[in-house]
Every structure is written in C-alpha cells, then in structure tokens.
Amino acid sequence: MKEYDFVVIGGGSGGYAAARTASSLGLSTAVIEGGKDVGGLCILRGCMPSKTLIESANRYRILRHVTEFGLSAEKIAFDAEQIIARKRRLIAEFADYRKEQLEGGRFDFIRGRAEFLDPYSLRIHLQGGGEQLLTLRSACIATGSVINSPSIPGIELCCSSDDLLELSRIPAATVVLGGGPVALEMAHYLESLGSKVTILQRNTQILTGSDRDVADALADAFRRRGIEVLCGTRLLRIDKSEEGRSVYFEHGNGEQCVEAEIVLNALGRRPSIQGLGLEKAGVALQGNTICTDLEQRTTASHLFAAGDCCGPYEVVHIAIVQGETAAKNAAALLKGRGAVAMDYRLKLFASFTEPQMASCGMTEQEAREVGIDVLTAEYPFADHGKSLVKGETDGFVKLVAEAKSGRILGGAVVGPEASEIIHEIVVAMAFHATVAELALIPHYHPTLSEIWTYPAEELAEKVKSKNEESRSETQ
C-alpha cells in the first residue's frame, strides 16, 4: 500500500484548494474523486451553470422592458435549447480546465469511491473496476452535498435544480419549494422567460438568516414582478394533475392547492457522506454534518473536512478557504508547526436574482443576539441618482456598526449589482474600517457604489452624537 502525507476525498473546489495547498507545502498528496464527472458542484451543477442561465434570462428581461428607455424591440424571443447549449459548452470548458488542474502532476489523482477502513487507511473502489488500498498520515474530507428530499408525499414528482439546469423548454407555470438562494435564483430565471412562478416557503421569511427587512425587500420586489411568494406554509403532498402537478399546502387558516406544469424541489442540500465509513475513522457527526472546529479538524485529530459536508456556510469561496486551512493545519500537524484558524468575520453571501441581494459580516439580528450595541442606517435605491438612471429602484443598502466605535460589523444590499457593490464593505471590514472612515472615501458620481456614503455619513453622525452624550453624562 502506498502511503501519503495528505489525502483529499473529493475533487471539487474545496478539495482542489486543499490538494494544491498541501502539495505546495511539500506534502505527498493524493486526490480521490468518485463522481461520474470531474469538477465539483460549483462547476457542474451549481454556481457556474445557474449563473450562465441567469445571464441569458437577464438579457431577455432587459428586452422586455426597453420601452421605458425610449427603445423598441419587436418580436423578441428566446430559444431555450440554445440557452442550454451555451451553458453546456461553457461548463464543459470549466470542467476540462479543472480536470487538467487535477491531473497536472502536482499530486496523484485517483478516480474512485473512498471508504475508511480505519483512521489511517482507505479502500478505493476504482471506477474502472477493482480496488486500491492506501494509507495516510492526514486527510481532508471534501465530498460536498447532494439534493435533500424530505419525507413529503409525492416529492419524487418534483424536479431538482440539476434537472432544471437541463430543461430545454420553459414551463407555463412553476411551483418552487423553498426560499433559499437556489429557489429564488431559479424562480427569477423562470419568470424572466415567461413562466408563472409561485414560491412556497416554510419559514415566515425568504432567505432565512438574513435580516427580515432585507428578506422582505426582495420578496416585495418579486411580488411586483408577478411572482407569488407565500411564506409560513406547510407542504402536505404533491399529486399528478391535468396541468402537470398539484401542490397541496397549509397557509393561513386552511388548506390550499396550486397547479403547475413542474414543481422544483429547492428545499436545500445535505452532506454527501454515505459510504465513507466515517465511524471507522473516528469522525463524529452533528446530525448529518461532519463536526469540525475552526481549524477544520474533525473529532479525529489528523483528519480534516472542508465545504458542504461540514458547513457551516455552503458557499464556494468559503469551501476554498476551508480547504486551504485544512491543508495548512495538516502540514502544521506533521511538521510540528502552529495551526491557523478560520475567520468568518467577513462572511459573504449573494443571490443573483433581480433585484440582486448580497450581504457580508454580521446581520443586525446576529449582532444584537450576541449582545453588541449596534447602530444601523439604510438608504433606498429609489432616491439614488444612478439607480434612477438605470431604472432599477427596488431595494436599499444597509450598514451595521458598533455603536461606540463606529466599526463596521456588516452590510447588506437589495438592489442593482448587489453582488458587486457589497465588496466595498468587505474591503472596508477587512481593514477594520469605521463608518466615519468609509464616509470620507471619495466616490465617483454617478455610480451605484456611492450609495454607501449616505448610510455611512448618517451612522458617523449617530456615533459622534452618542459618544458626546456619553461624555456629558459622565461629567
């Protein structure tokens, strides 16, 4: 059996980042990938294919609304098959590049399904048939996630986000189950191309975990588009019908039913850990998620994890940093160095809807729950020059700051190019900036980014006044 310093199980974004980092630190490394295709969720069935479809939808949506700008576009149309064909072409290119990276020779790349025999050895069920045994000194589990199918009668009649990414005909009506980013992005995509969309969300708001004012702003914008958003629902069953599917649910005081051609199951994902033999390796779970600390270490001190299989945030840029952290700490363990820890202070999130939603750092609710005295300020896009020019006035920006120091704790945007302009707050937070310092930074006019100066100036004044009041009380 060949022994490796570091073995990565899973060749997605987090796994590749772990292997690349470990190899650069001088560890003999192997990556084991058991999927049918190489690339990981982000490339194959997540970020890249969904955003490719959304880009087509966004451009079609612009054509639908050109008369507002004194333009005309007659007989506009789309070809769903060509939209899917473009997506397939781009994803094939992305996946080929990732495969080249994995096969580039910096580490061994093994195609097969891994299974722990004990904490230090693996059996690989090779894709071409047969088995391979290997031993390891450390490892990173980065097996990603799979679609969650809860125990709801008729859930098997739903299509998944994987299915939707291959849908070459836009349905006349769609029911979307869930209120997370996948649900909302696919609702946006389908409505933009003419489908009548109904969103059924169990929680009392969409985007669970966001501040309610942020979530409600996006829900209200969706409703103005004609998307029906129903929160506080309880799914009962899904049946076949003449229209395609009937979805029965409780909402308010009684049972309701909505008909649609297709129903999208966007009720989240769960870690892909079945068959890994984690119990033999001494790796404990919390629910169905691998337990890790801030060093990405599992309950087996030489085994680490990264990405969706361990959480706590299922976004690709965090999975990459987790993979890098796991590799650095494996090297530290083997070479007697100090460990490094994850820092989630800049927690970043975006939903590529219309309008977009993005956030970073702490929400107002999170800050208050841990006892931080905070101040907040908002400014609407409906009163902002560049967004008025663009005709995109839904939403607002929001800043959360520590009341005494004015240090920026978080920010959120619902509005045009939210996924881009949120990075201004990420950079400010990375340098521990205060709202007063942000307010002093010059911004070109007219731009979307300058909208941040208004809540920053408001909060700077609030912080100043609060501190003056505090000094007066102590004198």
Protein backbone atom coordinates (compact mmCIF):
# COMPACT_ATOMS: atom_id res chain seq x y z
CA MET A 1 0.00 0.00 0.00
CA LYS A 2 1.22 3.46 -0.87
CA GLU A 3 1.31 5.97 2.00
CA TYR A 4 0.55 9.67 1.55
CA ASP A 5 1.09 12.59 3.89
CA PHE A 6 -2.27 14.04 2.88
CA VAL A 7 -5.25 12.52 1.08
CA VAL A 8 -8.17 14.59 -0.17
CA ILE A 9 -11.52 12.87 -0.69
CA GLY A 10 -13.39 14.92 -3.26
CA GLY A 11 -12.14 16.89 -6.26
CA GLY A 12 -14.43 19.93 -6.11
CA SER A 13 -13.39 23.49 -5.32
CA GLY A 14 -12.65 22.85 -1.63
CA GLY A 15 -10.85 19.59 -2.32
CA TYR A 16 -8.73 21.02 -5.11
CA ALA A 17 -7.78 24.01 -2.94
CA ALA A 18 -6.72 21.62 -0.15
CA ALA A 19 -4.63 19.46 -2.50
CA ARG A 20 -2.99 22.42 -4.22
CA THR A 21 -2.07 23.95 -0.87
CA ALA A 22 -0.78 20.68 0.62
CA SER A 23 1.37 20.00 -2.41
CA SER A 24 2.87 23.50 -2.25
CA LEU A 25 3.75 22.84 1.41
CA GLY A 26 5.71 19.74 0.45
CA LEU A 27 3.22 17.05 1.45
CA SER A 28 2.89 13.94 -0.69
CA THR A 29 -0.73 14.26 -1.73
CA ALA A 30 -3.48 12.32 -3.46
CA VAL A 31 -6.98 13.38 -4.53
CA ILE A 32 -9.74 10.77 -4.78
CA GLU A 33 -12.76 11.70 -6.88
CA GLY A 34 -15.69 9.30 -7.05
CA GLY A 35 -18.15 11.31 -9.13
CA LYS A 36 -19.16 10.45 -12.67
CA ASP A 37 -17.81 13.83 -13.84
CA VAL A 38 -14.90 15.89 -12.55
CA GLY A 39 -15.34 19.46 -11.39
CA GLY A 40 -17.43 19.57 -8.25
CA LEU A 41 -20.81 21.13 -7.53
CA CYS A 42 -19.89 24.74 -8.30
CA ILE A 43 -18.71 23.99 -11.81
CA LEU A 44 -21.00 21.14 -12.78
CA ARG A 45 -24.38 21.78 -11.14
CA GLY A 46 -24.16 24.94 -9.05
CA CYS A 47 -22.67 28.40 -9.39
CA MET A 48 -21.46 28.41 -12.96
CA PRO A 49 -24.31 26.68 -14.83
CA SER A 50 -27.02 28.55 -12.90
CA LYS A 51 -25.38 31.93 -13.47
CA THR A 52 -24.96 31.12 -17.16
CA LEU A 53 -28.71 30.52 -17.47
CA ILE A 54 -29.47 33.61 -15.40
CA GLU A 55 -27.30 35.74 -17.69
CA SER A 56 -29.46 34.74 -20.65
CA ALA A 57 -32.59 35.48 -18.62
CA ASN A 58 -31.28 38.89 -17.55
CA ARG A 59 -30.64 39.93 -21.14
CA TYR A 60 -34.07 38.78 -22.20
CA ARG A 61 -35.59 40.66 -19.28
CA ILE A 62 -33.88 43.85 -20.48
CA LEU A 63 -35.52 43.41 -23.88
CA ARG A 64 -38.91 43.03 -22.19
CA HIS A 65 -38.57 46.48 -20.60
CA VAL A 66 -36.83 48.59 -23.28
CA THR A 67 -39.85 50.85 -23.95
CA GLU A 68 -39.16 52.65 -20.65
CA PHE A 69 -35.92 53.90 -22.22
CA GLY A 70 -37.50 55.12 -25.45
CA LEU A 71 -36.48 51.99 -27.34
CA SER A 72 -38.38 49.28 -29.16
CA ALA A 73 -37.62 45.63 -29.68
CA GLU A 74 -40.24 43.86 -31.75
CA LYS A 75 -40.96 40.15 -31.74
CA ILE A 76 -38.41 39.34 -29.07
CA ALA A 77 -37.94 35.64 -28.45
CA PHE A 78 -35.65 33.13 -26.86
CA ASP A 79 -34.54 29.62 -27.71
CA ALA A 80 -34.37 27.54 -24.53
CA GLU A 81 -32.45 24.79 -26.29
CA GLN A 82 -29.76 27.28 -27.33
CA ILE A 83 -29.61 28.68 -23.79
CA ILE A 84 -28.94 25.17 -22.50
CA ALA A 85 -26.45 24.50 -25.31
CA ARG A 86 -24.44 27.60 -24.35
CA LYS A 87 -24.48 26.50 -20.73
CA ARG A 88 -23.24 23.03 -21.63
CA ARG A 89 -20.43 24.43 -23.75
CA LEU A 90 -19.19 26.79 -21.04
CA ILE A 91 -19.46 24.20 -18.27
CA ALA A 92 -17.55 21.66 -20.36
CA GLU A 93 -14.74 24.21 -20.72
CA PHE A 94 -14.69 24.98 -16.99
CA ALA A 95 -14.76 21.27 -16.10
CA ASP A 96 -11.99 20.42 -18.57
CA TYR A 97 -9.78 23.07 -17.02
CA ARG A 98 -10.41 21.73 -13.51
CA LYS A 99 -9.65 18.20 -14.73
CA GLU A 100 -6.36 19.44 -16.20
CA GLN A 101 -5.50 21.01 -12.85
CA LEU A 102 -6.24 17.77 -11.02
CA GLU A 103 -4.30 15.67 -13.50
CA GLY A 104 -1.41 18.13 -13.77
CA GLY A 105 1.04 16.01 -11.78
CA ARG A 106 1.43 18.05 -8.61
CA PHE A 107 -0.36 15.23 -6.77
CA ASP A 108 -1.82 11.82 -7.58
CA PHE A 109 -5.37 11.85 -8.92
CA ILE A 110 -7.40 8.67 -8.37
CA ARG A 111 -10.87 8.08 -9.81
CA GLY A 112 -12.90 6.01 -7.40
CA ARG A 113 -15.04 5.96 -4.27
CA ALA A 114 -13.19 6.14 -0.96
CA GLU A 115 -14.06 4.20 2.17
CA PHE A 116 -12.24 4.39 5.51
CA LEU A 117 -11.11 1.03 6.88
CA ASP A 118 -9.66 2.67 10.00
CA PRO A 119 -8.38 6.17 10.84
CA TYR A 120 -5.24 5.72 8.73
CA SER A 121 -6.25 3.59 5.74
CA LEU A 122 -8.65 3.77 2.81
CA ARG A 123 -10.13 1.33 0.35
CA ILE A 124 -10.72 2.87 -3.08
CA HIS A 125 -13.42 1.30 -5.23
CA LEU A 126 -11.93 2.23 -8.61
CA GLN A 127 -14.21 3.47 -11.38
CA GLY A 128 -12.63 1.13 -13.87
CA GLY A 129 -13.19 -1.83 -11.56
CA GLY A 130 -11.16 -3.33 -8.78
CA GLU A 131 -9.86 -1.86 -5.55
CA GLN A 132 -6.85 0.04 -4.31
CA LEU A 133 -5.67 0.34 -0.71
CA LEU A 134 -3.65 3.24 0.65
CA THR A 135 -2.55 4.61 3.99
CA LEU A 136 -2.45 8.23 5.09
CA ARG A 137 -0.92 10.41 7.74
CA SER A 138 -3.63 13.06 7.40
CA ALA A 139 -6.62 13.75 5.16
CA CYS A 140 -9.31 16.23 4.19
CA ILE A 141 -12.88 15.11 3.55
CA ALA A 142 -14.41 17.39 0.90
CA THR A 143 -17.23 15.30 -0.55
CA GLY A 144 -19.75 18.12 -0.97
CA SER A 145 -23.50 17.71 -0.80
CA VAL A 146 -26.48 16.16 -2.53
CA ILE A 147 -30.05 17.34 -3.01
CA ASN A 148 -32.26 16.95 0.04
CA SER A 149 -35.60 15.20 -0.49
CA PRO A 150 -37.71 15.45 2.67
CA SER A 151 -40.44 12.96 3.53
CA ILE A 152 -43.34 14.66 1.74
CA PRO A 153 -45.84 12.50 -0.20
CA GLY A 154 -45.19 12.98 -3.89
CA ILE A 155 -41.78 14.65 -3.51
CA GLU A 156 -40.49 12.24 -6.17
CA LEU A 157 -42.73 14.04 -8.69
CA CYS A 158 -40.62 17.18 -8.32
CA CYS A 159 -37.68 18.14 -10.48
CA SER A 160 -34.39 19.11 -8.86
CA SER A 161 -32.09 22.02 -9.59
CA ASP A 162 -29.96 19.51 -11.52
CA ASP A 163 -32.96 18.74 -13.73
CA LEU A 164 -33.76 22.41 -14.19
CA LEU A 165 -30.26 23.14 -15.46
CA GLU A 166 -31.02 20.80 -18.37
CA LEU A 167 -34.60 21.99 -19.00
CA SER A 168 -34.86 22.85 -22.70
CA ARG A 169 -38.45 24.10 -22.54
CA ILE A 170 -39.74 26.77 -20.15
CA PRO A 171 -42.92 25.61 -18.38
CA ALA A 172 -46.04 27.78 -18.45
CA ALA A 173 -46.27 27.61 -14.65
CA THR A 174 -43.85 26.52 -11.94
CA VAL A 175 -44.09 25.98 -8.20
CA VAL A 176 -40.80 26.47 -6.36
CA LEU A 177 -40.46 24.76 -2.98
CA GLY A 178 -38.13 26.69 -0.70
CA GLY A 179 -36.95 30.23 -0.10
CA GLY A 180 -33.17 29.93 -0.21
CA PRO A 181 -30.77 31.19 -2.90
CA VAL A 182 -31.31 28.25 -5.29
CA ALA A 183 -35.08 28.60 -5.05
CA LEU A 184 -35.00 32.35 -5.60
CA GLU A 185 -32.47 32.31 -8.44
CA MET A 186 -34.39 29.65 -10.33
CA ALA A 187 -37.66 31.50 -9.71
CA HIS A 188 -36.04 34.60 -11.20
CA TYR A 189 -34.74 32.65 -14.20
CA LEU A 190 -38.07 31.02 -15.00
CA GLU A 191 -40.20 34.15 -14.53
CA SER A 192 -37.84 36.18 -16.71
CA LEU A 193 -38.51 33.75 -19.55
CA GLY A 194 -42.28 33.83 -19.08
CA SER A 195 -43.18 31.13 -16.54
CA LYS A 196 -45.82 31.93 -13.93
CA VAL A 197 -43.97 31.25 -10.66
CA THR A 198 -45.25 30.53 -7.17
CA ILE A 199 -42.78 30.25 -4.27
CA LEU A 200 -43.79 28.23 -1.21
CA GLN A 201 -41.57 28.84 1.81
CA ARG A 202 -41.94 27.12 5.19
CA ASN A 203 -40.25 29.88 7.18
CA THR A 204 -42.02 33.18 7.80
CA GLN A 205 -39.50 34.90 5.52
CA ILE A 206 -37.38 34.03 2.50
CA LEU A 207 -33.59 33.92 2.88
CA THR A 208 -33.63 32.51 6.39
CA GLY A 209 -30.73 34.01 8.34
CA SER A 210 -30.95 37.42 6.70
CA ASP A 211 -32.44 40.40 8.49
CA ARG A 212 -36.18 40.48 7.90
CA ASP A 213 -36.12 43.95 6.31
CA VAL A 214 -33.63 42.68 3.74
CA ALA A 215 -35.60 39.50 3.01
CA ASP A 216 -38.90 41.38 2.82
CA ALA A 217 -37.47 43.90 0.36
CA LEU A 218 -36.56 41.10 -2.05
CA ALA A 219 -39.90 39.35 -1.54
CA ASP A 220 -41.78 42.59 -2.23
CA ALA A 221 -39.75 43.16 -5.40
CA PHE A 222 -40.57 39.62 -6.54
CA ARG A 223 -44.27 40.24 -5.94
CA ARG A 224 -44.15 43.40 -8.04
CA ARG A 225 -42.76 41.26 -10.84
CA GLY A 226 -45.78 38.97 -10.57
CA ILE A 227 -44.09 36.16 -8.65
CA GLU A 228 -46.34 34.86 -5.90
CA VAL A 229 -44.35 34.50 -2.67
CA LEU A 230 -46.08 32.63 0.15
CA CYS A 231 -44.24 32.30 3.46
CA GLY A 232 -45.29 30.39 6.57
CA THR A 233 -46.56 27.42 4.58
CA ARG A 234 -46.58 23.70 5.36
CA LEU A 235 -46.36 21.27 2.46
CA LEU A 236 -48.87 18.43 2.57
CA ARG A 237 -48.48 16.47 -0.67
CA ILE A 238 -47.81 16.67 -4.38
CA ASP A 239 -50.05 14.86 -6.89
CA LYS A 240 -50.18 14.44 -10.64
CA SER A 241 -52.86 16.52 -12.39
CA GLU A 242 -54.04 17.56 -15.84
CA GLU A 243 -51.87 20.68 -15.55
CA GLY A 244 -48.89 18.56 -14.56
CA ARG A 245 -48.65 18.75 -10.77
CA SER A 246 -50.91 19.81 -7.89
CA VAL A 247 -49.22 21.05 -4.72
CA TYR A 248 -51.32 20.95 -1.54
CA PHE A 249 -50.20 23.05 1.40
CA GLU A 250 -51.41 24.80 4.51
CA HIS A 251 -51.27 28.59 4.59
CA GLY A 252 -53.11 30.87 6.95
CA ASN A 253 -56.23 29.16 8.23
CA GLY A 254 -56.66 26.38 5.75
CA GLU A 255 -55.51 24.04 3.03
CA GLN A 256 -54.73 25.43 -0.41
CA CYS A 257 -53.69 24.00 -3.76
CA VAL A 258 -51.69 25.45 -6.62
CA GLU A 259 -51.36 23.87 -10.07
CA ALA A 260 -48.23 23.97 -12.19
CA GLU A 261 -46.54 22.22 -15.04
CA ILE A 262 -43.48 21.43 -12.91
CA VAL A 263 -42.54 21.64 -9.24
CA LEU A 264 -38.96 22.47 -8.29
CA ASN A 265 -37.60 20.89 -5.12
CA ALA A 266 -35.27 23.60 -3.80
CA LEU A 267 -35.52 22.53 -0.17
CA GLY A 268 -31.80 22.54 0.40
CA ARG A 269 -28.97 20.04 0.27
CA ARG A 270 -27.40 17.60 2.72
CA PRO A 271 -23.79 16.43 3.14
CA SER A 272 -22.67 13.66 0.81
CA ILE A 273 -21.08 11.28 3.32
CA GLN A 274 -22.83 7.98 2.72
CA GLY A 275 -20.47 5.02 2.36
CA LEU A 276 -17.38 6.86 3.62
CA GLY A 277 -17.11 4.71 6.75
CA LEU A 278 -16.60 7.77 8.94
CA GLU A 279 -17.40 5.80 12.09
CA LYS A 280 -14.37 3.59 11.40
CA ALA A 281 -12.20 6.70 11.15
CA GLY A 282 -13.45 8.19 14.41
CA VAL A 283 -15.17 11.11 12.68
CA ALA A 284 -18.28 12.25 14.54
CA LEU A 285 -21.37 13.88 13.05
CA GLN A 286 -23.74 16.54 14.27
CA GLY A 287 -26.98 15.49 12.64
CA ASN A 288 -25.76 14.58 9.16
CA THR A 289 -22.90 17.10 9.09
CA ILE A 290 -19.24 16.39 9.88
CA CYS A 291 -18.18 18.09 13.12
CA THR A 292 -15.21 20.43 12.68
CA ASP A 293 -13.54 23.14 14.72
CA LEU A 294 -12.17 26.46 13.43
CA GLU A 295 -9.01 24.63 12.29
CA GLN A 296 -11.25 22.41 10.10
CA ARG A 297 -10.21 19.49 12.29
CA THR A 298 -12.71 16.68 12.83
CA THR A 299 -13.02 14.60 16.00
CA ALA A 300 -10.10 12.55 14.62
CA SER A 301 -7.19 14.95 15.16
CA HIS A 302 -5.38 14.09 11.90
CA LEU A 303 -8.50 14.24 9.72
CA PHE A 304 -9.95 17.50 8.46
CA ALA A 305 -13.01 18.50 6.42
CA ALA A 306 -13.99 21.34 4.10
CA GLY A 307 -17.01 22.55 2.16
CA ASP A 308 -20.64 21.49 2.19
CA CYS A 309 -20.00 18.24 4.05
CA CYS A 310 -19.11 20.19 7.20
CA GLY A 311 -20.59 23.68 6.74
CA PRO A 312 -21.39 26.00 8.41
CA TYR A 313 -21.85 28.02 5.20
CA GLU A 314 -22.44 26.29 1.87
CA VAL A 315 -20.73 28.76 -0.46
CA VAL A 316 -17.78 28.02 -2.68
CA HIS A 317 -15.35 30.77 -1.65
CA ILE A 318 -15.63 29.63 1.98
CA ALA A 319 -15.11 25.99 0.94
CA ILE A 320 -11.89 27.05 -0.81
CA VAL A 321 -10.56 28.84 2.29
CA GLN A 322 -11.59 25.87 4.44
CA GLY A 323 -9.67 23.53 2.13
CA GLU A 324 -6.59 25.72 2.30
CA THR A 325 -6.89 25.94 6.09
CA ALA A 326 -7.22 22.16 6.38
CA ALA A 327 -4.07 21.62 4.30
CA LYS A 328 -2.07 24.19 6.27
CA ASN A 329 -3.09 22.58 9.55
CA ALA A 330 -2.30 19.10 8.26
CA ALA A 331 1.18 20.35 7.39
CA ALA A 332 1.43 22.01 10.80
CA LEU A 333 0.48 18.73 12.47
CA LEU A 334 3.00 16.68 10.52
CA LYS A 335 5.82 19.22 10.74
CA GLY A 336 5.27 20.47 14.29
CA ARG A 337 4.18 23.99 13.42
CA GLY A 338 1.45 26.26 14.77
CA ALA A 339 -2.06 25.89 13.42
CA VAL A 340 -4.22 28.54 11.72
CA ALA A 341 -7.94 29.11 12.23
CA MET A 342 -10.86 30.09 10.05
CA ASP A 343 -12.17 33.63 10.39
CA TYR A 344 -15.81 34.03 9.39
CA ARG A 345 -15.93 37.74 10.23
CA LEU A 346 -16.24 38.67 6.55
CA LYS A 347 -18.94 36.08 5.86
CA LEU A 348 -20.09 36.93 2.33
CA PHE A 349 -23.27 35.90 0.54
CA ALA A 350 -25.05 36.83 -2.70
CA SER A 351 -28.19 35.83 -4.53
CA PHE A 352 -28.21 36.51 -8.29
CA THR A 353 -31.88 37.38 -8.51
CA GLU A 354 -33.49 40.53 -9.89
CA PRO A 355 -33.01 42.61 -7.88
CA GLN A 356 -29.88 41.00 -6.50
CA MET A 357 -29.29 40.52 -2.80
CA ALA A 358 -25.90 40.43 -1.07
CA SER A 359 -24.56 40.68 2.46
CA CYS A 360 -21.33 40.45 4.43
CA GLY A 361 -20.35 40.28 8.05
CA MET A 362 -22.95 40.21 10.81
CA THR A 363 -26.62 40.91 10.35
CA GLU A 364 -28.30 43.33 12.73
CA GLN A 365 -30.10 40.42 14.36
CA GLU A 366 -26.89 38.40 14.85
CA ALA A 367 -25.13 41.37 16.43
CA ARG A 368 -27.96 42.03 18.86
CA GLU A 369 -28.25 38.34 19.77
CA VAL A 370 -24.63 38.30 20.99
CA GLY A 371 -25.14 41.48 22.99
CA ILE A 372 -23.41 44.04 20.77
CA ASP A 373 -24.78 47.58 20.99
CA VAL A 374 -25.26 48.44 17.31
CA LEU A 375 -26.46 51.28 15.15
CA THR A 376 -27.92 50.78 11.69
CA ALA A 377 -28.73 53.01 8.74
CA GLU A 378 -30.32 52.40 5.35
CA TYR A 379 -30.62 54.27 2.08
CA PRO A 380 -33.05 53.41 -0.74
CA PHE A 381 -32.15 52.99 -4.39
CA ALA A 382 -35.40 54.82 -5.23
CA ASP A 383 -33.65 58.04 -4.10
CA HIS A 384 -30.29 57.35 -5.74
CA GLY A 385 -29.25 59.01 -8.98
CA LYS A 386 -27.53 56.14 -10.79
CA SER A 387 -30.23 53.61 -9.97
CA LEU A 388 -32.90 56.05 -11.18
CA VAL A 389 -30.98 56.44 -14.44
CA LYS A 390 -30.79 52.65 -14.78
CA GLY A 391 -34.50 52.28 -13.97
CA GLU A 392 -33.63 49.84 -11.16
CA THR A 393 -35.03 51.38 -7.99
CA ASP A 394 -36.06 48.37 -5.87
CA GLY A 395 -34.27 47.81 -2.60
CA PHE A 396 -31.77 49.59 -0.39
CA VAL A 397 -28.35 49.36 1.25
CA LYS A 398 -27.89 48.81 4.96
CA LEU A 399 -24.91 49.24 7.27
CA VAL A 400 -24.50 47.74 10.74
CA ALA A 401 -21.93 49.38 13.02
CA GLU A 402 -20.77 49.08 16.59
CA ALA A 403 -22.41 51.97 18.45
CA LYS A 404 -19.40 53.17 20.47
CA SER A 405 -16.55 52.83 17.96
CA GLY A 406 -18.42 53.06 14.67
CA ARG A 407 -16.58 49.96 13.46
CA ILE A 408 -18.42 48.38 10.52
CA LEU A 409 -19.81 44.98 11.53
CA GLY A 410 -21.83 44.15 8.41
CA GLY A 411 -23.64 45.34 5.36
CA ALA A 412 -26.47 44.22 3.11
CA VAL A 413 -27.85 45.21 -0.28
CA VAL A 414 -31.04 44.50 -2.14
CA GLY A 415 -30.77 46.22 -5.49
CA PRO A 416 -28.85 46.60 -8.75
CA GLU A 417 -25.46 44.86 -8.92
CA ALA A 418 -25.65 43.98 -5.23
CA SER A 419 -23.19 41.11 -5.70
CA GLU A 420 -20.59 43.61 -6.95
CA ILE A 421 -21.04 46.63 -4.70
CA ILE A 422 -21.10 44.54 -1.50
CA HIS A 423 -17.36 44.07 -1.96
CA GLU A 424 -16.79 47.70 -0.99
CA ILE A 425 -17.99 46.80 2.50
CA VAL A 426 -15.96 43.57 2.51
CA VAL A 427 -12.79 45.58 1.83
CA ALA A 428 -13.70 48.18 4.46
CA MET A 429 -14.32 45.44 7.03
CA ALA A 430 -11.10 43.63 6.09
CA PHE A 431 -9.22 46.76 7.22
CA HIS A 432 -11.46 47.18 10.29
CA ALA A 433 -12.76 50.50 8.98
CA THR A 434 -15.27 52.66 10.80
CA VAL A 435 -18.31 54.31 9.24
CA ALA A 436 -16.57 57.68 9.61
CA GLU A 437 -13.60 56.42 7.59
CA LEU A 438 -15.89 54.96 4.91
CA ALA A 439 -17.76 58.26 4.68
CA LEU A 440 -14.50 60.11 3.94
CA ILE A 441 -13.56 57.93 0.94
CA PRO A 442 -14.33 59.79 -2.33
CA HIS A 443 -16.81 58.12 -4.69
CA TYR A 444 -17.31 58.97 -8.33
CA HIS A 445 -20.69 60.39 -9.32
CA PRO A 446 -22.97 59.00 -10.59
CA THR A 447 -22.20 55.42 -9.58
CA LEU A 448 -24.05 52.73 -7.71
CA SER A 449 -21.23 52.41 -5.18
CA GLU A 450 -21.59 55.97 -3.92
CA ILE A 451 -24.87 54.99 -2.28
CA TRP A 452 -22.81 53.62 0.63
CA THR A 453 -21.72 57.13 1.59
CA TYR A 454 -25.23 58.07 2.74
CA PRO A 455 -25.71 55.44 5.48
CA ALA A 456 -22.02 55.81 6.37
CA GLU A 457 -22.43 59.58 6.93
CA GLU A 458 -25.64 59.03 8.91
CA LEU A 459 -24.02 56.46 11.16
CA ALA A 460 -20.89 58.57 11.65
CA GLU A 461 -23.10 61.36 12.97
CA LYS A 462 -25.02 58.94 15.20
CA VAL A 463 -21.78 57.55 16.67
CA LYS A 464 -20.45 61.05 17.27
CA SER A 465 -23.66 62.16 18.98
CA LYS A 466 -23.85 59.01 21.08
CA ASN A 467 -20.28 59.44 22.32
CA GLU A 468 -20.86 63.14 23.09
CA GLU A 469 -23.96 62.21 25.11
CA SER A 470 -21.99 59.56 26.96
CA ARG A 471 -19.23 62.05 27.84
CA SER A 472 -21.78 64.58 29.03
CA GLU A 473 -23.39 62.03 31.33
CA THR A 474 -20.07 61.15 32.94
CA GLN A 475 -19.05 64.75 33.60
